């Protein structure tokens, strides 16, 4: 079973630090409003269907029924920056879409992050609210098992207290996945976990459904999201190569990985690669 899932972060009007985490590393994943709208225009042009949510994938015996001429996809946002409420959600809704909003709960109510009232309203408007851990550790998979489980449990409990219903979907901070990450997420009560691996193939670990995602980031061309969805071969292959290269060099190079990763992840158009 395959599904296309897109990963966004924050959207900004003037400066990247308006929403979400404030660092050069975080800024590389943020889009200006015109850039974000261009990505949505590309998706709308191919008649994307985004009404399905991750918990439905986990519950359904046939998660992806025939959408007819429409292309099934999921739109996700990590970190819990306030721009999901102030800028992104209304633009998704204008197209008849809803998204997954994954919240790092220790930052709720802080400058640049969603407030409790905004989270409740987004939930009421049909967006799926999920866990992105409590504190967004720099390397999630380097934590102890007890620390990982506490990150998931604390985050899930806070969101459930806010929303008044179960929260069973999460995403891995920073993309640092491991079998122990899945094991502790399942132990904390999650049943779907989004990773940052650019793949359409659904898999499972520790009774969790694992869903990969294609990251849309600063510097990508306006048709990047569209190409991921319509299965443009070079777009998906380039994302896969870049992600795996980053996974190798980041632990070895530490802070200096950013310059190399930026080069590896830079989009290459099919026109320049045969």
Protein backbone atom coordinates (compact mmCIF):
# COMPACT_ATOMS: atom_id res chain seq x y z
CA UNK A 1 0.00 0.00 0.00
CA UNK A 2 1.39 3.41 -1.00
CA UNK A 3 0.52 6.96 -0.01
CA UNK A 4 2.09 10.33 -0.79
CA UNK A 5 2.64 12.53 2.24
CA UNK A 6 4.18 16.01 2.13
CA UNK A 7 6.10 17.64 4.97
CA UNK A 8 6.05 21.40 5.48
CA UNK A 9 7.19 23.50 8.42
CA UNK A 10 6.48 27.19 9.00
CA UNK A 11 5.21 29.87 6.63
CA UNK A 12 6.18 33.53 7.04
CA UNK A 13 5.20 36.92 5.67
CA UNK A 14 8.48 38.84 6.11
CA UNK A 15 11.06 36.93 8.17
CA UNK A 16 11.47 33.20 8.92
CA UNK A 17 11.70 33.80 12.68
CA UNK A 18 8.05 34.94 12.80
CA UNK A 19 6.87 31.40 13.48
CA UNK A 20 8.30 28.27 15.06
CA UNK A 21 11.87 27.62 16.08
CA UNK A 22 14.34 30.44 15.59
CA UNK A 23 17.63 29.13 14.16
CA UNK A 24 19.42 28.95 10.79
CA UNK A 25 18.76 25.21 10.70
CA UNK A 26 15.03 25.69 11.22
CA UNK A 27 14.87 28.55 8.74
CA UNK A 28 16.02 26.29 5.90
CA UNK A 29 12.65 24.55 6.04
CA UNK A 30 10.40 27.63 6.17
CA UNK A 31 8.54 29.05 3.17
CA UNK A 32 7.45 32.59 2.45
CA UNK A 33 3.74 33.05 1.79
CA UNK A 34 4.23 33.37 -2.00
CA UNK A 35 6.39 30.24 -2.06
CA UNK A 36 3.84 28.30 -0.03
CA UNK A 37 0.98 29.47 -2.22
CA UNK A 38 2.95 28.43 -5.32
CA UNK A 39 3.30 24.91 -3.91
CA UNK A 40 -0.44 24.77 -3.21
CA UNK A 41 -1.20 26.05 -6.71
CA UNK A 42 0.88 23.21 -8.12
CA UNK A 43 -1.04 20.67 -6.07
CA UNK A 44 -4.40 22.17 -7.01
CA UNK A 45 -3.45 21.97 -10.69
CA UNK A 46 -3.28 18.17 -10.48
CA UNK A 47 -6.50 17.87 -8.45
CA UNK A 48 -5.05 16.54 -5.21
CA UNK A 49 -7.38 14.89 -2.71
CA UNK A 50 -6.28 15.58 0.89
CA UNK A 51 -9.32 14.55 2.88
CA UNK A 52 -7.81 11.36 4.28
CA UNK A 53 -6.08 11.36 7.63
CA UNK A 54 -3.48 9.11 9.19
CA UNK A 55 -5.79 7.55 11.76
CA UNK A 56 -8.05 6.46 8.90
CA UNK A 57 -5.11 4.72 7.27
CA UNK A 58 -4.50 2.78 10.46
CA UNK A 59 -8.14 1.80 10.92
CA UNK A 60 -9.20 0.95 7.37
CA UNK A 61 -8.73 -2.47 5.81
CA UNK A 62 -8.26 -0.71 2.47
CA UNK A 63 -6.75 2.67 3.41
CA UNK A 64 -6.75 4.17 -0.06
CA UNK A 65 -10.07 3.63 -1.84
CA UNK A 66 -10.17 4.58 -5.49
CA UNK A 67 -10.29 8.41 -5.59
CA UNK A 68 -11.31 8.42 -9.23
CA UNK A 69 -9.33 11.03 -11.13
CA UNK A 70 -8.09 12.71 -7.95
CA UNK A 71 -4.62 12.05 -6.52
CA UNK A 72 -4.61 11.07 -2.81
CA UNK A 73 -2.05 12.86 -0.66
CA UNK A 74 -1.56 14.07 2.90
CA UNK A 75 -0.25 17.49 3.91
CA UNK A 76 1.63 17.67 7.21
CA UNK A 77 3.28 20.46 9.21
CA UNK A 78 5.85 19.87 11.95
CA UNK A 79 6.82 21.86 15.06
CA UNK A 80 3.55 23.61 15.97
CA UNK A 81 4.50 27.12 14.83
CA UNK A 82 1.68 29.65 14.94
CA UNK A 83 1.80 30.16 11.18
CA UNK A 84 -0.20 26.98 10.74
CA UNK A 85 -3.10 28.85 12.31
CA UNK A 86 -2.41 32.38 11.01
CA UNK A 87 -1.31 31.58 7.44
CA UNK A 88 -1.45 27.94 6.37
CA UNK A 89 -4.79 26.58 7.56
CA UNK A 90 -6.97 29.16 5.84
CA UNK A 91 -5.11 28.61 2.56
CA UNK A 92 -5.65 24.86 2.81
CA UNK A 93 -9.31 25.36 3.64
CA UNK A 94 -9.80 27.69 0.67
CA UNK A 95 -8.95 24.67 -1.50
CA UNK A 96 -11.21 22.37 0.49
CA UNK A 97 -8.25 20.71 2.20
CA UNK A 98 -7.23 19.96 5.76
CA UNK A 99 -3.81 19.10 7.13
CA UNK A 100 -1.96 17.34 9.91
CA UNK A 101 -0.46 19.72 12.46
CA UNK A 102 2.19 18.12 14.69
CA UNK A 103 2.88 20.07 17.88
CA UNK A 104 5.92 20.13 20.16
CA UNK A 105 3.87 20.65 23.27
CA UNK A 106 6.45 22.27 25.60
CA UNK A 107 6.34 25.32 23.33
CA UNK A 108 2.58 25.82 23.25
CA UNK A 109 1.80 29.45 24.00
CA UNK A 110 5.37 30.67 23.59
CA UNK A 111 6.28 33.36 21.09
CA UNK A 112 5.88 32.06 17.56
CA UNK A 113 4.01 28.90 18.56
CA UNK A 114 0.36 27.89 18.64
CA UNK A 115 -1.73 28.79 21.67
CA UNK A 116 -4.14 26.37 23.36
CA UNK A 117 -7.11 28.24 21.89
CA UNK A 118 -5.65 28.06 18.38
CA UNK A 119 -5.02 24.33 18.70
CA UNK A 120 -8.59 23.72 19.83
CA UNK A 121 -9.96 25.82 16.98
CA UNK A 122 -7.86 24.04 14.36
CA UNK A 123 -9.13 20.72 15.68
CA UNK A 124 -12.72 21.97 15.47
CA UNK A 125 -12.13 23.12 11.89
CA UNK A 126 -11.17 19.61 10.87
CA UNK A 127 -7.38 19.65 10.99
CA UNK A 128 -5.67 16.69 12.65
CA UNK A 129 -3.59 17.63 15.69
CA UNK A 130 -0.78 15.24 16.56
CA UNK A 131 2.31 14.89 18.71
CA UNK A 132 5.76 16.09 17.66
CA UNK A 133 7.20 15.15 21.08
CA UNK A 134 7.21 17.39 24.12
CA UNK A 135 10.57 19.19 23.91
CA UNK A 136 11.72 18.45 20.33
CA UNK A 137 15.10 16.94 21.35
CA UNK A 138 18.02 17.65 19.03
CA UNK A 139 18.58 13.91 18.43
CA UNK A 140 15.47 12.04 19.46
CA UNK A 141 16.87 8.56 18.81
CA UNK A 142 19.82 9.20 21.14
CA UNK A 143 17.54 9.45 24.19
CA UNK A 144 17.06 6.58 26.60
CA UNK A 145 13.96 4.45 26.22
CA UNK A 146 12.46 6.08 29.31
CA UNK A 147 13.15 9.56 27.95
CA UNK A 148 11.64 8.74 24.56
CA UNK A 149 8.51 7.32 26.11
CA UNK A 150 8.15 10.35 28.39
CA UNK A 151 8.46 12.68 25.40
CA UNK A 152 5.62 10.91 23.61
CA UNK A 153 3.46 10.37 26.69
CA UNK A 154 3.77 13.92 28.02
CA UNK A 155 3.02 15.42 24.62
CA UNK A 156 0.07 13.13 23.96
CA UNK A 157 -1.43 13.76 27.40
CA UNK A 158 -1.18 17.53 27.03
CA UNK A 159 -2.88 17.47 23.65
CA UNK A 160 -5.63 15.17 24.86
CA UNK A 161 -6.26 17.44 27.84
CA UNK A 162 -6.57 20.38 25.43
CA UNK A 163 -8.78 18.66 22.88
CA UNK A 164 -10.86 16.33 25.00
CA UNK A 165 -10.34 13.32 22.76
CA UNK A 166 -7.68 10.75 21.95
CA UNK A 167 -4.51 11.74 20.10
CA UNK A 168 -2.97 8.72 18.39
CA UNK A 169 -0.82 10.19 15.59
CA UNK A 170 2.66 11.63 15.84
CA UNK A 171 5.72 12.64 13.83
CA UNK A 172 9.40 12.13 14.64
CA UNK A 173 11.32 15.31 15.58
CA UNK A 174 14.18 16.02 13.22
CA UNK A 175 13.59 12.77 11.37
CA UNK A 176 15.72 10.85 13.87
CA UNK A 177 13.92 7.51 13.62
CA UNK A 178 14.95 4.14 15.04
CA UNK A 179 13.15 0.95 16.11
CA UNK A 180 13.26 2.25 19.70
CA UNK A 181 11.53 5.46 18.60
CA UNK A 182 8.69 3.36 17.19
CA UNK A 183 8.63 1.08 20.24
CA UNK A 184 8.29 3.95 22.70
CA UNK A 185 5.73 5.78 20.58
CA UNK A 186 3.57 2.66 20.52
CA UNK A 187 4.02 2.18 24.26
CA UNK A 188 2.83 5.77 24.78
CA UNK A 189 -0.40 5.06 22.89
CA UNK A 190 0.31 6.26 19.36
CA UNK A 191 -0.73 4.06 16.44
CA UNK A 192 0.56 6.09 13.47
CA UNK A 193 4.00 7.67 13.23
CA UNK A 194 5.20 9.91 10.42
CA UNK A 195 8.92 9.80 9.61
CA UNK A 196 10.98 12.02 7.32
CA UNK A 197 11.99 9.22 4.98
CA UNK A 198 10.90 10.16 1.43
CA UNK A 199 8.91 7.09 0.54
CA UNK A 200 5.34 6.30 -0.49
CA UNK A 201 5.42 2.80 0.95
CA UNK A 202 3.56 2.27 4.21
CA UNK A 203 5.30 0.00 6.70
CA UNK A 204 4.96 -1.03 10.31
CA UNK A 205 7.06 -1.37 13.46
CA UNK A 206 6.01 -2.23 17.01
CA UNK A 207 2.35 -2.28 15.90
CA UNK A 208 2.69 1.27 14.55
CA UNK A 209 1.83 2.30 11.03
CA UNK A 210 4.84 4.18 9.64
CA UNK A 211 4.28 6.85 6.98
CA UNK A 212 7.16 8.46 5.11
CA UNK A 213 7.11 12.05 3.87
CA UNK A 214 8.59 14.19 1.13
CA UNK A 215 9.93 17.45 2.55
CA UNK A 216 9.12 20.73 0.79
CA UNK A 217 11.68 23.29 1.91
CA UNK A 218 13.14 26.71 1.19
CA UNK A 219 14.84 26.77 -2.19
CA UNK A 220 12.69 24.12 -3.80
CA UNK A 221 11.06 25.11 -7.10
CA UNK A 222 7.35 26.01 -7.04
CA UNK A 223 6.41 22.67 -8.61
CA UNK A 224 8.27 20.51 -6.05
CA UNK A 225 5.19 19.35 -4.14
CA UNK A 226 3.36 18.64 -7.38
CA UNK A 227 6.21 16.50 -8.68
CA UNK A 228 6.36 14.49 -5.48
CA UNK A 229 2.64 13.79 -5.75
CA UNK A 230 2.47 12.91 -9.44
CA UNK A 231 5.48 10.60 -9.09
CA UNK A 232 7.99 12.52 -11.19
CA UNK A 233 10.84 9.96 -11.07
CA UNK A 234 13.74 12.38 -10.63
CA UNK A 235 11.98 14.38 -7.90
CA UNK A 236 11.35 11.34 -5.72
CA UNK A 237 14.74 9.77 -6.42
CA UNK A 238 16.58 13.01 -5.66
CA UNK A 239 14.69 13.34 -2.37
CA UNK A 240 15.56 9.76 -1.42
CA UNK A 241 19.26 10.17 -2.26
CA UNK A 242 19.46 13.48 -0.41
CA UNK A 243 17.73 12.11 2.67
CA UNK A 244 20.01 9.08 2.89
CA UNK A 245 23.12 11.16 2.31
CA UNK A 246 22.05 13.55 5.04
CA UNK A 247 21.45 10.64 7.41
CA UNK A 248 25.06 9.55 6.88
CA UNK A 249 26.87 12.87 7.04
CA UNK A 250 24.95 14.62 9.79
CA UNK A 251 26.21 12.46 12.71
CA UNK A 252 29.78 12.54 11.38
CA UNK A 253 30.07 16.24 10.59
CA UNK A 254 28.03 17.78 13.37
CA UNK A 255 27.31 21.52 12.83
CA UNK A 256 29.24 21.59 9.54
CA UNK A 257 26.78 19.17 7.95
CA UNK A 258 24.40 22.02 7.07
CA UNK A 259 26.38 23.36 4.11
CA UNK A 260 26.89 19.89 2.64
CA UNK A 261 23.30 18.82 3.26
CA UNK A 262 22.01 21.96 1.59
CA UNK A 263 23.98 21.08 -1.53
CA UNK A 264 22.84 17.45 -1.49
CA UNK A 265 19.20 18.41 -0.96
CA UNK A 266 19.18 21.15 -3.58
CA UNK A 267 16.54 20.34 -6.22
CA UNK A 268 17.80 19.15 -9.59
CA UNK A 269 15.32 19.47 -12.43
CA UNK A 270 14.65 16.60 -14.81
CA UNK A 271 15.65 18.89 -17.66
CA UNK A 272 19.23 18.86 -16.37
CA UNK A 273 19.38 15.14 -15.69
CA UNK A 274 18.07 13.56 -18.81
